[in-house]
Amino acid sequence: MYNKDGDLIMKLCILLNKFITFLCKVFKKNGTSLPGSIIYNHLDHNILDKITYPKYVIAVTGSSGKGSTSSYINHILTNNSYKVAYNSYGSNGINGAVTLILNNCNLKGEVLADVLLLECDERHLKLIFNKTKPTHMIITNITRDQPVRNISPYTILEEIKKAIGKNTHLIINGDDAILSILKTTHQGNITTFGLAKTKDSYTKDDQLSLDQTYCPICHQKLIYTYYHYGHLGNFKCPNNDFTRNPIDYEATNISLAKQTMKINNNLLKLNNNALYTCYNELASYTLAKVIGLKDSNILPYFNTKVLPAKRGKTLHFKNRDIIMLESKNENNISYYQSMKYIKNQKGPKTIILGFENVSRRYKENDLSWLYDTDFELLKDPHIDKIFCIGRFKYDVATRLEYAGIDMHKIVMVTNLDNLLNLVDKKSKGTIYTMVCFDMTETIKNLVKGALK
């Protein structure tokens, strides 16, 4: 219970948050984090501790896949008549969370929804859930990500732990040996999901390095019977102190070509043919089962009322497909998945690769992650040309040269406005963009402009 002054401040914060959001909409500005920034940083640093939350408070976090997983969950829950307050716009830090939550509150500070669903940055979880902890937390994976900011995957894990309450129900990727450490420390409920071996799984690690190789209990080297990518796969300690199994919800019969997989003998469609989609859909299915939904309430929203893919969309330019593979900077696993996908496709290929900014969060331009990334996968005779774009195009080209790529295949693009003209004249085959999020929008706009 708060005193009258505290209640008044809370009401003023809620009203001001709504008003600033309204002004942002009037002036057609992105108001998804500015209102919360003003409230949180200048008026009440503890505003979220004063809010009354609904029955379900679901946090979705992880190095990659949290945006798509959140989107699937929202799709399932809203179609099952749940009222969901959800940060669909992707502002996943503390300022975005404050903006969303206060905009969905009445003046008593009560969230007017059945479910609060938040995609959360791993480092901001502890700020969002300072006193009130999530009822459920989905963690998609933990990999080497943004090393300047996050230092190591174990730093990320420790940051996530700070937001976990003793009653938080964890839903974790059981194929992730780093996440599985939580099975040895968390006292509350844990439900795991994972993928059975597929025809694309491999038994010998083909990456430059793994993020988890030793048992956290006895420190013996883990035995992997297969890998999906990175350190995600089927692992066990030789002393049986630490293991992947058992998995509560396991996807089987995975066919990326047919874009299908099975869960509990139920066929489930994938909205694209990338392996990470299996994890994202499986995580959302697991959450729905945990909160009590039946298969009949879940499967139709994968199989008939399909949610469009957020990543990997296809554009068309002069009778050629442009497949937009958004690759997260400072994350070698994200680039690995994109390159593995390209390598598995048939026919001649052209790649657009590069970025304008290393990070949207800070100014340090650390490029060491380029050398953690297996660009050697691009030594493919079917790749016709690689167009290097953006402010760091020469750094990218240097890394490609170290990877043994034929330098005659590399085209440096000094004027981005001329990109599509160069691609049209100097290359052939399907076009794959392997760029970060901001450059994706730039290329989309170039294609739209060229088609006018």
Foldseek 3Di string as FASTA:
>chain_A
DDDPVVLVLLLVLLVQLQVVLVVCVVVVHPSLQVSLCCCCVPRPVCSLVQAAEAPAEEEEEEQDLRLLLLVLLVLLQVLVVWFEQELNVPPAARRNLSSSQSPQADSSRYRPTNYYYGYHYLQRLCSNQVPPAGQEYEYLAFAQFPCVPQVASVSSVVSNVNRDDLNYAYEYALQHQSVQVVVVPRNYHYAYEYEDDDPQKAQDAPFPDARDQADPPPGAGWHFRTAPHGSGGWIAHPVRPGTSDDHRWYWAPDDLVQQWIDTPNDIFGFLHSFPSSVSSLSSSVVVCVVVPDDCVSRRCDRPPVNDHDPAQDWDDDPNAIETEQAAQASGQRSLQRLLVVVLPDDAAEEEEDEEAARDPPDRDRDDVVLVSHQLLSVQHPSYQAYEQDYPCSVVNLVSNVVSVHDNVRYHYDPDVLCVVVCCVPRGDHHYYYHHHDVVSVVVVVSRVVVVD
